[in-house]
Amino acid sequence: MRTIALLALLIVACARRPDREPPAADRASVQLAAAEAGCELDSVRPATGAPAEGLWGFEERATAHRVAVMIGPARSEVGATRVTRSVETLESRPGSDTIRHLSDTASVHLEFIPPLERPAAIYAVGPLVRLASYEPCGPDRGQPLIRYLRLDRDGRVATDVLLQREARP
């Protein structure tokens, strides 16, 4: 009984009353946070849904830099609680070897990614490559995107590009 009385007192004390309106600055910050969080500085933002199955690509014609990613169908084993995918990445530039990474057991997890440390759904394809889900912002939302992030052996970012879907399964 005492707990119920305490809970009722707390509800009454915290209830919004007209004589206790928050200051204008607080109202503005609440509105800003509610309006498309993550899109204030860019046209895309990280997403927490897994990167979708299919063929994804990036090509910079001026430098002939290309990245292709193939994400296979989801599969699971009987009794397992984890769903995995086969994920293969290829990166090529003129004058250098093609960089290939493959994982037959990639599973999605959430990770905080730079620059603003927002959570995104990630497939780790080996220790050097991450694929993150992104979605476009704004009124004319386009297709989802995948961010391809490859590190060099010293842990520095070597390639950071956004991939568009080339083909669906």
C-alpha atoms as a PDB file:
ATOM      1  CA  MET A   1       0.000   0.000   0.000  1.00  0.00           C
ATOM      2  CA  ARG A   2       2.832   2.323   0.860  1.00  0.00           C
ATOM      3  CA  THR A   3       4.417   1.740  -2.579  1.00  0.00           C
ATOM      4  CA  ILE A   4       1.179   2.631  -4.360  1.00  0.00           C
ATOM      5  CA  ALA A   5       0.845   5.856  -2.382  1.00  0.00           C
ATOM      6  CA  LEU A   6       4.444   6.776  -3.163  1.00  0.00           C
ATOM      7  CA  LEU A   7       3.907   6.049  -6.871  1.00  0.00           C
ATOM      8  CA  ALA A   8       0.739   8.184  -6.948  1.00  0.00           C
ATOM      9  CA  LEU A   9       2.560  11.054  -5.244  1.00  0.00           C
ATOM     10  CA  LEU A  10       5.398  10.803  -7.771  1.00  0.00           C
ATOM     11  CA  ILE A  11       2.980  10.851 -10.713  1.00  0.00           C
ATOM     12  CA  VAL A  12       1.192  13.938  -9.395  1.00  0.00           C
ATOM     13  CA  ALA A  13       4.463  15.742  -8.684  1.00  0.00           C
ATOM     14  CA  CYS A  14       5.879  15.024 -12.144  1.00  0.00           C
ATOM     15  CA  ALA A  15       2.692  15.691 -14.100  1.00  0.00           C
ATOM     16  CA  ARG A  16       2.923  18.544 -16.593  1.00  0.00           C
ATOM     17  CA  ARG A  17       1.091  21.595 -15.356  1.00  0.00           C
ATOM     18  CA  PRO A  18       0.407  24.821 -17.267  1.00  0.00           C
ATOM     19  CA  ASP A  19       2.143  26.880 -14.565  1.00  0.00           C
ATOM     20  CA  ARG A  20       5.342  24.789 -15.034  1.00  0.00           C
ATOM     21  CA  GLU A  21       5.975  25.106 -18.776  1.00  0.00           C
ATOM     22  CA  PRO A  22       9.613  24.323 -19.731  1.00  0.00           C
ATOM     23  CA  PRO A  23      11.755  27.284 -20.805  1.00  0.00           C
ATOM     24  CA  ALA A  24      11.756  28.143 -24.531  1.00  0.00           C
ATOM     25  CA  ALA A  25      15.349  26.904 -24.940  1.00  0.00           C
ATOM     26  CA  ASP A  26      14.363  23.456 -23.638  1.00  0.00           C
ATOM     27  CA  ARG A  27      11.393  23.268 -26.018  1.00  0.00           C
ATOM     28  CA  ALA A  28      13.658  24.113 -28.963  1.00  0.00           C
ATOM     29  CA  SER A  29      16.186  21.415 -28.048  1.00  0.00           C
ATOM     30  CA  VAL A  30      13.429  18.820 -27.745  1.00  0.00           C
ATOM     31  CA  GLN A  31      12.096  19.774 -31.187  1.00  0.00           C
ATOM     32  CA  LEU A  32      15.579  19.618 -32.711  1.00  0.00           C
ATOM     33  CA  ALA A  33      16.238  16.170 -31.240  1.00  0.00           C
ATOM     34  CA  ALA A  34      12.916  14.871 -32.530  1.00  0.00           C
ATOM     35  CA  ALA A  35      13.413  16.180 -36.071  1.00  0.00           C
ATOM     36  CA  GLU A  36      15.306  13.538 -38.071  1.00  0.00           C
ATOM     37  CA  ALA A  37      18.045  12.843 -35.539  1.00  0.00           C
ATOM     38  CA  GLY A  38      21.281  12.200 -37.363  1.00  0.00           C
ATOM     39  CA  CYS A  39      20.493  14.186 -40.514  1.00  0.00           C
ATOM     40  CA  GLU A  40      21.416  17.671 -39.351  1.00  0.00           C
ATOM     41  CA  LEU A  41      24.876  17.616 -40.953  1.00  0.00           C
ATOM     42  CA  ASP A  42      24.591  15.152 -43.825  1.00  0.00           C
ATOM     43  CA  SER A  43      22.244  13.694 -46.407  1.00  0.00           C
ATOM     44  CA  VAL A  44      22.562  10.167 -44.957  1.00  0.00           C
ATOM     45  CA  ARG A  45      22.572   8.586 -41.522  1.00  0.00           C
ATOM     46  CA  PRO A  46      23.452   5.190 -40.045  1.00  0.00           C
ATOM     47  CA  ALA A  47      20.613   2.684 -39.760  1.00  0.00           C
ATOM     48  CA  THR A  48      20.138  -0.203 -37.347  1.00  0.00           C
ATOM     49  CA  GLY A  49      18.619  -2.627 -39.869  1.00  0.00           C
ATOM     50  CA  ALA A  50      21.022  -5.185 -41.358  1.00  0.00           C
ATOM     51  CA  PRO A  51      22.617  -4.430 -44.739  1.00  0.00           C
ATOM     52  CA  ALA A  52      20.381  -6.068 -47.349  1.00  0.00           C
ATOM     53  CA  GLU A  53      21.156  -9.045 -49.544  1.00  0.00           C
ATOM     54  CA  GLY A  54      22.310  -8.335 -53.095  1.00  0.00           C
ATOM     55  CA  LEU A  55      25.086  -6.781 -55.148  1.00  0.00           C
ATOM     56  CA  TRP A  56      26.278  -3.329 -54.058  1.00  0.00           C
ATOM     57  CA  GLY A  57      28.768  -1.115 -55.837  1.00  0.00           C
ATOM     58  CA  PHE A  58      30.768   2.103 -55.990  1.00  0.00           C
ATOM     59  CA  GLU A  59      32.733   3.507 -58.917  1.00  0.00           C
ATOM     60  CA  GLU A  60      34.697   6.722 -59.182  1.00  0.00           C
ATOM     61  CA  ARG A  61      35.167   7.156 -62.914  1.00  0.00           C
ATOM     62  CA  ALA A  62      37.904   9.803 -62.670  1.00  0.00           C
ATOM     63  CA  THR A  63      40.255   7.480 -60.774  1.00  0.00           C
ATOM     64  CA  ALA A  64      38.773   4.097 -61.812  1.00  0.00           C
ATOM     65  CA  HIS A  65      38.466   3.190 -58.113  1.00  0.00           C
ATOM     66  CA  ARG A  66      35.823   0.469 -57.728  1.00  0.00           C
ATOM     67  CA  VAL A  67      34.284  -1.400 -54.826  1.00  0.00           C
ATOM     68  CA  ALA A  68      31.829  -4.295 -55.172  1.00  0.00           C
ATOM     69  CA  VAL A  69      30.110  -6.160 -52.355  1.00  0.00           C
ATOM     70  CA  MET A  70      27.995  -9.291 -52.621  1.00  0.00           C
ATOM     71  CA  ILE A  71      25.808 -10.107 -49.614  1.00  0.00           C
ATOM     72  CA  GLY A  72      24.342 -13.591 -49.774  1.00  0.00           C
ATOM     73  CA  PRO A  73      21.077 -14.954 -48.389  1.00  0.00           C
ATOM     74  CA  ALA A  74      20.547 -15.379 -44.657  1.00  0.00           C
ATOM     75  CA  ARG A  75      20.952 -18.871 -43.251  1.00  0.00           C
ATOM     76  CA  SER A  76      20.865 -20.497 -39.860  1.00  0.00           C
ATOM     77  CA  GLU A  77      21.522 -23.908 -38.415  1.00  0.00           C
ATOM     78  CA  VAL A  78      18.976 -25.940 -36.507  1.00  0.00           C
ATOM     79  CA  GLY A  79      19.145 -25.003 -32.838  1.00  0.00           C
ATOM     80  CA  ALA A  80      21.342 -21.968 -33.478  1.00  0.00           C
ATOM     81  CA  THR A  81      20.290 -18.510 -32.345  1.00  0.00           C
ATOM     82  CA  ARG A  82      22.456 -16.704 -34.889  1.00  0.00           C
ATOM     83  CA  VAL A  83      21.695 -15.942 -38.535  1.00  0.00           C
ATOM     84  CA  THR A  84      24.721 -15.677 -40.823  1.00  0.00           C
ATOM     85  CA  ARG A  85      25.421 -14.564 -44.382  1.00  0.00           C
ATOM     86  CA  SER A  86      28.178 -15.011 -46.901  1.00  0.00           C
ATOM     87  CA  VAL A  87      29.716 -11.599 -47.653  1.00  0.00           C
ATOM     88  CA  GLU A  88      32.429 -10.937 -50.219  1.00  0.00           C
ATOM     89  CA  THR A  89      34.109  -7.599 -50.993  1.00  0.00           C
ATOM     90  CA  LEU A  90      36.342  -6.602 -53.904  1.00  0.00           C
ATOM     91  CA  GLU A  91      38.199  -3.314 -54.192  1.00  0.00           C
ATOM     92  CA  SER A  92      40.317  -2.300 -57.180  1.00  0.00           C
ATOM     93  CA  ARG A  93      42.378   0.717 -58.206  1.00  0.00           C
ATOM     94  CA  PRO A  94      44.648   1.084 -61.219  1.00  0.00           C
ATOM     95  CA  GLY A  95      48.248   0.243 -60.441  1.00  0.00           C
ATOM     96  CA  SER A  96      47.541  -1.836 -57.323  1.00  0.00           C
ATOM     97  CA  ASP A  97      46.403  -5.347 -56.486  1.00  0.00           C
ATOM     98  CA  THR A  98      42.713  -6.129 -56.108  1.00  0.00           C
ATOM     99  CA  ILE A  99      41.778  -6.340 -52.426  1.00  0.00           C
ATOM    100  CA  ARG A 100      39.399  -9.177 -51.604  1.00  0.00           C
ATOM    101  CA  HIS A 101      37.785 -10.084 -48.296  1.00  0.00           C
ATOM    102  CA  LEU A 102      35.366 -12.944 -47.659  1.00  0.00           C
ATOM    103  CA  SER A 103      33.354 -14.176 -44.706  1.00  0.00           C
ATOM    104  CA  ASP A 104      31.023 -17.163 -44.861  1.00  0.00           C
ATOM    105  CA  THR A 105      29.758 -16.500 -41.336  1.00  0.00           C
ATOM    106  CA  ALA A 106      29.104 -12.753 -41.189  1.00  0.00           C
ATOM    107  CA  SER A 107      26.422 -11.856 -38.662  1.00  0.00           C
ATOM    108  CA  VAL A 108      24.965  -8.454 -37.976  1.00  0.00           C
ATOM    109  CA  HIS A 109      25.794  -6.542 -34.815  1.00  0.00           C
ATOM    110  CA  LEU A 110      25.462  -2.943 -33.656  1.00  0.00           C
ATOM    111  CA  GLU A 111      28.548  -0.786 -33.513  1.00  0.00           C
ATOM    112  CA  PHE A 112      29.173   2.924 -32.929  1.00  0.00           C
ATOM    113  CA  ILE A 113      30.721   4.364 -36.066  1.00  0.00           C
ATOM    114  CA  PRO A 114      32.437   7.686 -36.713  1.00  0.00           C
ATOM    115  CA  PRO A 115      32.200  10.559 -37.333  1.00  0.00           C
ATOM    116  CA  LEU A 116      29.408  11.219 -34.820  1.00  0.00           C
ATOM    117  CA  GLU A 117      29.518   7.827 -33.054  1.00  0.00           C
ATOM    118  CA  ARG A 118      25.974   6.809 -33.936  1.00  0.00           C
ATOM    119  CA  PRO A 119      24.912   3.135 -33.830  1.00  0.00           C
ATOM    120  CA  ALA A 120      24.695   1.234 -37.112  1.00  0.00           C
ATOM    121  CA  ALA A 121      24.072  -2.347 -38.154  1.00  0.00           C
ATOM    122  CA  ILE A 122      27.448  -3.784 -39.166  1.00  0.00           C
ATOM    123  CA  TYR A 123      28.799  -6.847 -40.957  1.00  0.00           C
ATOM    124  CA  ALA A 124      32.454  -7.362 -40.052  1.00  0.00           C
ATOM    125  CA  VAL A 125      34.193  -8.972 -43.021  1.00  0.00           C
ATOM    126  CA  GLY A 126      37.478  -9.884 -41.421  1.00  0.00           C
ATOM    127  CA  PRO A 127      39.387  -7.566 -39.094  1.00  0.00           C
ATOM    128  CA  LEU A 128      39.879  -4.792 -41.691  1.00  0.00           C
ATOM    129  CA  VAL A 129      36.499  -4.364 -43.438  1.00  0.00           C
ATOM    130  CA  ARG A 130      33.161  -3.183 -42.050  1.00  0.00           C
ATOM    131  CA  LEU A 131      29.889  -2.825 -43.960  1.00  0.00           C
ATOM    132  CA  ALA A 132      27.392  -0.497 -42.290  1.00  0.00           C
ATOM    133  CA  SER A 133      23.737   0.192 -43.109  1.00  0.00           C
ATOM    134  CA  TYR A 134      22.862   3.752 -44.064  1.00  0.00           C
ATOM    135  CA  GLU A 135      19.653   5.446 -45.126  1.00  0.00           C
ATOM    136  CA  PRO A 136      19.122   8.712 -46.985  1.00  0.00           C
ATOM    137  CA  CYS A 137      17.624  11.695 -45.148  1.00  0.00           C
ATOM    138  CA  GLY A 138      15.328  14.457 -46.255  1.00  0.00           C
ATOM    139  CA  PRO A 139      12.084  14.657 -48.188  1.00  0.00           C
ATOM    140  CA  ASP A 140      13.291  12.833 -51.323  1.00  0.00           C
ATOM    141  CA  ARG A 141      14.571   9.672 -49.669  1.00  0.00           C
ATOM    142  CA  GLY A 142      16.277   7.359 -52.101  1.00  0.00           C
ATOM    143  CA  GLN A 143      17.484   3.794 -51.787  1.00  0.00           C
ATOM    144  CA  PRO A 144      19.339   2.552 -48.705  1.00  0.00           C
ATOM    145  CA  LEU A 145      23.118   2.619 -48.887  1.00  0.00           C
ATOM    146  CA  ILE A 146      25.980   0.581 -47.458  1.00  0.00           C
ATOM    147  CA  ARG A 147      29.108   2.218 -46.111  1.00  0.00           C
ATOM    148  CA  TYR A 148      32.265   0.287 -46.998  1.00  0.00           C
ATOM    149  CA  LEU A 149      34.982   1.033 -44.478  1.00  0.00           C
ATOM    150  CA  ARG A 150      38.400  -0.608 -44.941  1.00  0.00           C
ATOM    151  CA  LEU A 151      41.306  -0.082 -42.589  1.00  0.00           C
ATOM    152  CA  ASP A 152      44.964  -0.515 -43.411  1.00  0.00           C
ATOM    153  CA  ARG A 153      47.196  -2.784 -41.310  1.00  0.00           C
ATOM    154  CA  ASP A 154      47.957   0.117 -38.935  1.00  0.00           C
ATOM    155  CA  GLY A 155      44.259   0.667 -38.179  1.00  0.00           C
ATOM    156  CA  ARG A 156      43.902   3.867 -40.232  1.00  0.00           C
ATOM    157  CA  VAL A 157      41.003   4.355 -42.662  1.00  0.00           C
ATOM    158  CA  ALA A 158      42.182   3.404 -46.154  1.00  0.00           C
ATOM    159  CA  THR A 159      38.819   3.465 -47.960  1.00  0.00           C
ATOM    160  CA  ASP A 160      35.493   4.960 -46.871  1.00  0.00           C
ATOM    161  CA  VAL A 161      32.769   5.022 -49.554  1.00  0.00           C
ATOM    162  CA  LEU A 162      29.002   4.640 -49.842  1.00  0.00           C
ATOM    163  CA  LEU A 163      27.741   1.778 -52.014  1.00  0.00           C
ATOM    164  CA  GLN A 164      24.494   1.742 -53.968  1.00  0.00           C
ATOM    165  CA  ARG A 165      22.494  -1.364 -54.741  1.00  0.00           C
ATOM    166  CA  GLU A 166      23.316  -2.664 -58.205  1.00  0.00           C
ATOM    167  CA  ALA A 167      21.157  -5.804 -58.226  1.00  0.00           C
ATOM    168  CA  ARG A 168      18.655  -7.520 -56.008  1.00  0.00           C
ATOM    169  CA  PRO A 169      18.592 -11.275 -55.432  1.00  0.00           C
END
